[in-house]
Amino acid sequence: MDNRDKLRKAIKTRLIVMSLATLLPIVVLILFNLPVFQDRFVVYSALSVLRYAIFVLLEGYIGFKIYGYIRFFCDPEYADLLALRKNDERLNFIRLKANAMAIKIFIYVCGIALITAGFFDAIVFYTLLSILATVLFIFLFVYIYYSRKY
């Protein structure tokens, strides 16, 4: 099995996972809009716009990733380019230093928590928002640092 076949199998798995991940923010949003939960929680009108904005950003990111995976299967030139980029040692080293899987998972979970926190309390929502912004800023700084260093 060559590198392209391995990449094809990995991208197929990622496509399935991202397609299922599309449903999670939708389920959370629908679940907390049910009358059972609206009676128990105070919904702040100022946070509803931010909650929906974060929902759109998460779904947009997931949609962008799905588009890239589908493009891999449909466009052979893009597949060759992606396979070349995946095997580039410099880019792999930068990704190794900057893209820890725990950070990616944390960012996604924090986005879901932001949607959920919009139903509970404004303080929790703004705290999670500041944490997410800080993590994204640190991620960007580390990525720029390692891309210039190596």
C-alpha atoms as a PDB file:
ATOM      1  CA  MET A   1       0.000   0.000   0.000  1.00  0.00           C
ATOM      2  CA  ASP A   2       1.593   3.271  -1.076  1.00  0.00           C
ATOM      3  CA  ASN A   3       1.314   6.663   0.599  1.00  0.00           C
ATOM      4  CA  ARG A   4      -1.567   7.814  -1.592  1.00  0.00           C
ATOM      5  CA  ASP A   5      -3.692   4.790  -0.665  1.00  0.00           C
ATOM      6  CA  LYS A   6      -2.949   5.347   3.022  1.00  0.00           C
ATOM      7  CA  LEU A   7      -3.882   9.009   2.644  1.00  0.00           C
ATOM      8  CA  ARG A   8      -7.089   8.050   0.813  1.00  0.00           C
ATOM      9  CA  LYS A   9      -8.086   5.706   3.658  1.00  0.00           C
ATOM     10  CA  ALA A  10      -7.288   8.320   6.323  1.00  0.00           C
ATOM     11  CA  ILE A  11      -9.238  11.021   4.502  1.00  0.00           C
ATOM     12  CA  LYS A  12     -12.213   8.706   4.075  1.00  0.00           C
ATOM     13  CA  THR A  13     -12.227   8.146   7.849  1.00  0.00           C
ATOM     14  CA  ARG A  14     -11.916  11.889   8.495  1.00  0.00           C
ATOM     15  CA  LEU A  15     -14.771  12.575   6.086  1.00  0.00           C
ATOM     16  CA  ILE A  16     -17.041  10.205   7.997  1.00  0.00           C
ATOM     17  CA  VAL A  17     -16.036  11.673  11.369  1.00  0.00           C
ATOM     18  CA  MET A  18     -16.495  15.279  10.204  1.00  0.00           C
ATOM     19  CA  SER A  19     -19.865  14.421   8.670  1.00  0.00           C
ATOM     20  CA  LEU A  20     -20.980  13.039  12.019  1.00  0.00           C
ATOM     21  CA  ALA A  21     -19.429  16.016  13.842  1.00  0.00           C
ATOM     22  CA  THR A  22     -21.690  18.284  11.815  1.00  0.00           C
ATOM     23  CA  LEU A  23     -24.637  16.900  13.743  1.00  0.00           C
ATOM     24  CA  LEU A  24     -23.304  17.572  17.251  1.00  0.00           C
ATOM     25  CA  PRO A  25     -23.688  21.396  17.301  1.00  0.00           C
ATOM     26  CA  ILE A  26     -27.100  21.062  15.639  1.00  0.00           C
ATOM     27  CA  VAL A  27     -28.277  18.541  18.240  1.00  0.00           C
ATOM     28  CA  VAL A  28     -27.033  20.736  21.110  1.00  0.00           C
ATOM     29  CA  LEU A  29     -28.715  23.809  19.669  1.00  0.00           C
ATOM     30  CA  ILE A  30     -32.037  22.022  19.083  1.00  0.00           C
ATOM     31  CA  LEU A  31     -31.901  20.292  22.473  1.00  0.00           C
ATOM     32  CA  PHE A  32     -31.494  23.531  24.399  1.00  0.00           C
ATOM     33  CA  ASN A  33     -34.244  25.223  22.385  1.00  0.00           C
ATOM     34  CA  LEU A  34     -36.799  22.661  23.586  1.00  0.00           C
ATOM     35  CA  PRO A  35     -39.420  24.008  26.021  1.00  0.00           C
ATOM     36  CA  VAL A  36     -38.227  21.591  28.737  1.00  0.00           C
ATOM     37  CA  PHE A  37     -34.826  23.282  28.875  1.00  0.00           C
ATOM     38  CA  GLN A  38     -36.099  26.825  28.293  1.00  0.00           C
ATOM     39  CA  ASP A  39     -38.171  26.606  31.467  1.00  0.00           C
ATOM     40  CA  ARG A  40     -35.126  25.616  33.527  1.00  0.00           C
ATOM     41  CA  PHE A  41     -32.543  27.989  32.080  1.00  0.00           C
ATOM     42  CA  VAL A  42     -32.558  31.709  31.608  1.00  0.00           C
ATOM     43  CA  VAL A  43     -31.767  32.560  28.008  1.00  0.00           C
ATOM     44  CA  TYR A  44     -30.025  35.910  27.730  1.00  0.00           C
ATOM     45  CA  SER A  45     -31.036  37.751  24.587  1.00  0.00           C
ATOM     46  CA  ALA A  46     -27.609  39.392  24.267  1.00  0.00           C
ATOM     47  CA  LEU A  47     -25.943  35.973  24.165  1.00  0.00           C
ATOM     48  CA  SER A  48     -28.300  34.436  21.617  1.00  0.00           C
ATOM     49  CA  VAL A  49     -26.678  36.333  18.745  1.00  0.00           C
ATOM     50  CA  LEU A  50     -23.186  35.267  19.852  1.00  0.00           C
ATOM     51  CA  ARG A  51     -24.352  31.699  20.400  1.00  0.00           C
ATOM     52  CA  TYR A  52     -25.703  31.501  16.843  1.00  0.00           C
ATOM     53  CA  ALA A  53     -22.587  33.199  15.467  1.00  0.00           C
ATOM     54  CA  ILE A  54     -20.356  30.587  17.100  1.00  0.00           C
ATOM     55  CA  PHE A  55     -22.683  27.870  15.810  1.00  0.00           C
ATOM     56  CA  VAL A  56     -22.317  29.225  12.268  1.00  0.00           C
ATOM     57  CA  LEU A  57     -18.529  29.443  12.637  1.00  0.00           C
ATOM     58  CA  LEU A  58     -18.277  25.838  13.855  1.00  0.00           C
ATOM     59  CA  GLU A  59     -20.527  24.538  11.100  1.00  0.00           C
ATOM     60  CA  GLY A  60     -18.625  26.627   8.540  1.00  0.00           C
ATOM     61  CA  TYR A  61     -15.301  25.193   9.667  1.00  0.00           C
ATOM     62  CA  ILE A  62     -16.653  21.648   9.527  1.00  0.00           C
ATOM     63  CA  GLY A  63     -18.172  22.322   6.100  1.00  0.00           C
ATOM     64  CA  PHE A  64     -14.855  23.696   4.837  1.00  0.00           C
ATOM     65  CA  LYS A  65     -13.045  20.561   6.009  1.00  0.00           C
ATOM     66  CA  ILE A  66     -15.668  18.314   4.381  1.00  0.00           C
ATOM     67  CA  TYR A  67     -15.326  20.292   1.135  1.00  0.00           C
ATOM     68  CA  GLY A  68     -11.557  19.679   1.156  1.00  0.00           C
ATOM     69  CA  TYR A  69     -12.012  15.958   1.756  1.00  0.00           C
ATOM     70  CA  ILE A  70     -14.565  15.622  -1.043  1.00  0.00           C
ATOM     71  CA  ARG A  71     -12.312  17.643  -3.339  1.00  0.00           C
ATOM     72  CA  PHE A  72      -9.515  15.164  -2.608  1.00  0.00           C
ATOM     73  CA  PHE A  73     -11.633  12.336  -4.014  1.00  0.00           C
ATOM     74  CA  CYS A  74     -12.959  14.296  -7.014  1.00  0.00           C
ATOM     75  CA  ASP A  75      -9.869  16.191  -8.223  1.00  0.00           C
ATOM     76  CA  PRO A  76      -6.758  14.075  -8.986  1.00  0.00           C
ATOM     77  CA  GLU A  77      -4.483  17.128  -9.250  1.00  0.00           C
ATOM     78  CA  TYR A  78      -5.562  18.309  -5.790  1.00  0.00           C
ATOM     79  CA  ALA A  79      -5.039  14.773  -4.467  1.00  0.00           C
ATOM     80  CA  ASP A  80      -1.472  14.752  -5.819  1.00  0.00           C
ATOM     81  CA  LEU A  81      -0.804  18.184  -4.324  1.00  0.00           C
ATOM     82  CA  LEU A  82      -2.202  17.131  -0.958  1.00  0.00           C
ATOM     83  CA  ALA A  83      -0.163  13.911  -0.993  1.00  0.00           C
ATOM     84  CA  LEU A  84       2.963  15.955  -1.767  1.00  0.00           C
ATOM     85  CA  ARG A  85       2.200  18.395   1.048  1.00  0.00           C
ATOM     86  CA  LYS A  86       1.558  15.535   3.496  1.00  0.00           C
ATOM     87  CA  ASN A  87       4.999  14.058   2.734  1.00  0.00           C
ATOM     88  CA  ASP A  88       6.944  17.334   2.921  1.00  0.00           C
ATOM     89  CA  GLU A  89       9.334  17.044   5.862  1.00  0.00           C
ATOM     90  CA  ARG A  90       9.443  20.739   6.689  1.00  0.00           C
ATOM     91  CA  LEU A  91       5.673  21.077   6.791  1.00  0.00           C
ATOM     92  CA  ASN A  92       5.367  17.890   8.820  1.00  0.00           C
ATOM     93  CA  PHE A  93       7.847  19.215  11.357  1.00  0.00           C
ATOM     94  CA  ILE A  94       5.943  22.494  11.667  1.00  0.00           C
ATOM     95  CA  ARG A  95       2.670  20.599  12.077  1.00  0.00           C
ATOM     96  CA  LEU A  96       4.262  18.368  14.694  1.00  0.00           C
ATOM     97  CA  LYS A  97       5.328  21.377  16.741  1.00  0.00           C
ATOM     98  CA  ALA A  98       2.220  23.537  16.309  1.00  0.00           C
ATOM     99  CA  ASN A  99      -0.753  21.245  15.763  1.00  0.00           C
ATOM    100  CA  ALA A 100      -1.209  19.117  18.808  1.00  0.00           C
ATOM    101  CA  MET A 101      -4.376  17.055  18.530  1.00  0.00           C
ATOM    102  CA  ALA A 102      -5.316  18.025  22.069  1.00  0.00           C
ATOM    103  CA  ILE A 103      -5.456  21.693  21.062  1.00  0.00           C
ATOM    104  CA  LYS A 104      -7.747  20.942  18.127  1.00  0.00           C
ATOM    105  CA  ILE A 105     -10.070  18.883  20.276  1.00  0.00           C
ATOM    106  CA  PHE A 106     -10.025  21.569  22.976  1.00  0.00           C
ATOM    107  CA  ILE A 107     -10.978  24.275  20.489  1.00  0.00           C
ATOM    108  CA  TYR A 108     -13.898  22.246  19.160  1.00  0.00           C
ATOM    109  CA  VAL A 109     -15.142  21.270  22.643  1.00  0.00           C
ATOM    110  CA  CYS A 110     -14.790  24.859  23.816  1.00  0.00           C
ATOM    111  CA  GLY A 111     -16.938  25.988  20.876  1.00  0.00           C
ATOM    112  CA  ILE A 112     -19.649  23.484  21.825  1.00  0.00           C
ATOM    113  CA  ALA A 113     -19.357  24.601  25.450  1.00  0.00           C
ATOM    114  CA  LEU A 114     -19.822  28.215  24.324  1.00  0.00           C
ATOM    115  CA  ILE A 115     -23.092  27.320  22.626  1.00  0.00           C
ATOM    116  CA  THR A 116     -24.229  25.488  25.740  1.00  0.00           C
ATOM    117  CA  ALA A 117     -23.013  28.208  28.135  1.00  0.00           C
ATOM    118  CA  GLY A 118     -25.124  30.763  26.297  1.00  0.00           C
ATOM    119  CA  PHE A 119     -28.134  29.131  27.951  1.00  0.00           C
ATOM    120  CA  PHE A 120     -26.716  29.182  31.473  1.00  0.00           C
ATOM    121  CA  ASP A 121     -24.870  32.322  32.408  1.00  0.00           C
ATOM    122  CA  ALA A 122     -23.244  35.314  30.761  1.00  0.00           C
ATOM    123  CA  ILE A 123     -20.159  35.106  32.979  1.00  0.00           C
ATOM    124  CA  VAL A 124     -19.492  31.495  31.995  1.00  0.00           C
ATOM    125  CA  PHE A 125     -20.028  32.367  28.336  1.00  0.00           C
ATOM    126  CA  TYR A 126     -17.575  35.272  28.353  1.00  0.00           C
ATOM    127  CA  THR A 127     -15.050  33.245  30.355  1.00  0.00           C
ATOM    128  CA  LEU A 128     -15.118  30.432  27.812  1.00  0.00           C
ATOM    129  CA  LEU A 129     -14.970  32.949  24.979  1.00  0.00           C
ATOM    130  CA  SER A 130     -11.854  34.556  26.446  1.00  0.00           C
ATOM    131  CA  ILE A 131     -10.247  31.138  26.972  1.00  0.00           C
ATOM    132  CA  LEU A 132     -10.968  30.169  23.382  1.00  0.00           C
ATOM    133  CA  ALA A 133      -9.592  33.459  22.061  1.00  0.00           C
ATOM    134  CA  THR A 134      -6.438  33.024  24.166  1.00  0.00           C
ATOM    135  CA  VAL A 135      -5.859  29.468  22.935  1.00  0.00           C
ATOM    136  CA  LEU A 136      -6.339  30.539  19.320  1.00  0.00           C
ATOM    137  CA  PHE A 137      -3.917  33.444  19.803  1.00  0.00           C
ATOM    138  CA  ILE A 138      -1.297  31.160  21.369  1.00  0.00           C
ATOM    139  CA  PHE A 139      -1.773  28.623  18.574  1.00  0.00           C
ATOM    140  CA  LEU A 140      -1.275  31.324  15.949  1.00  0.00           C
ATOM    141  CA  PHE A 141       1.828  32.666  17.716  1.00  0.00           C
ATOM    142  CA  VAL A 142       3.409  29.199  17.993  1.00  0.00           C
ATOM    143  CA  TYR A 143       2.648  28.403  14.358  1.00  0.00           C
ATOM    144  CA  ILE A 144       4.211  31.657  13.143  1.00  0.00           C
ATOM    145  CA  TYR A 145       7.223  31.145  15.423  1.00  0.00           C
ATOM    146  CA  TYR A 146       7.965  27.624  14.159  1.00  0.00           C
ATOM    147  CA  SER A 147       7.292  28.469  10.513  1.00  0.00           C
ATOM    148  CA  ARG A 148       9.919  31.230  10.667  1.00  0.00           C
ATOM    149  CA  LYS A 149      12.374  29.255  12.772  1.00  0.00           C
ATOM    150  CA  TYR A 150      12.451  26.206  10.515  1.00  0.00           C
END
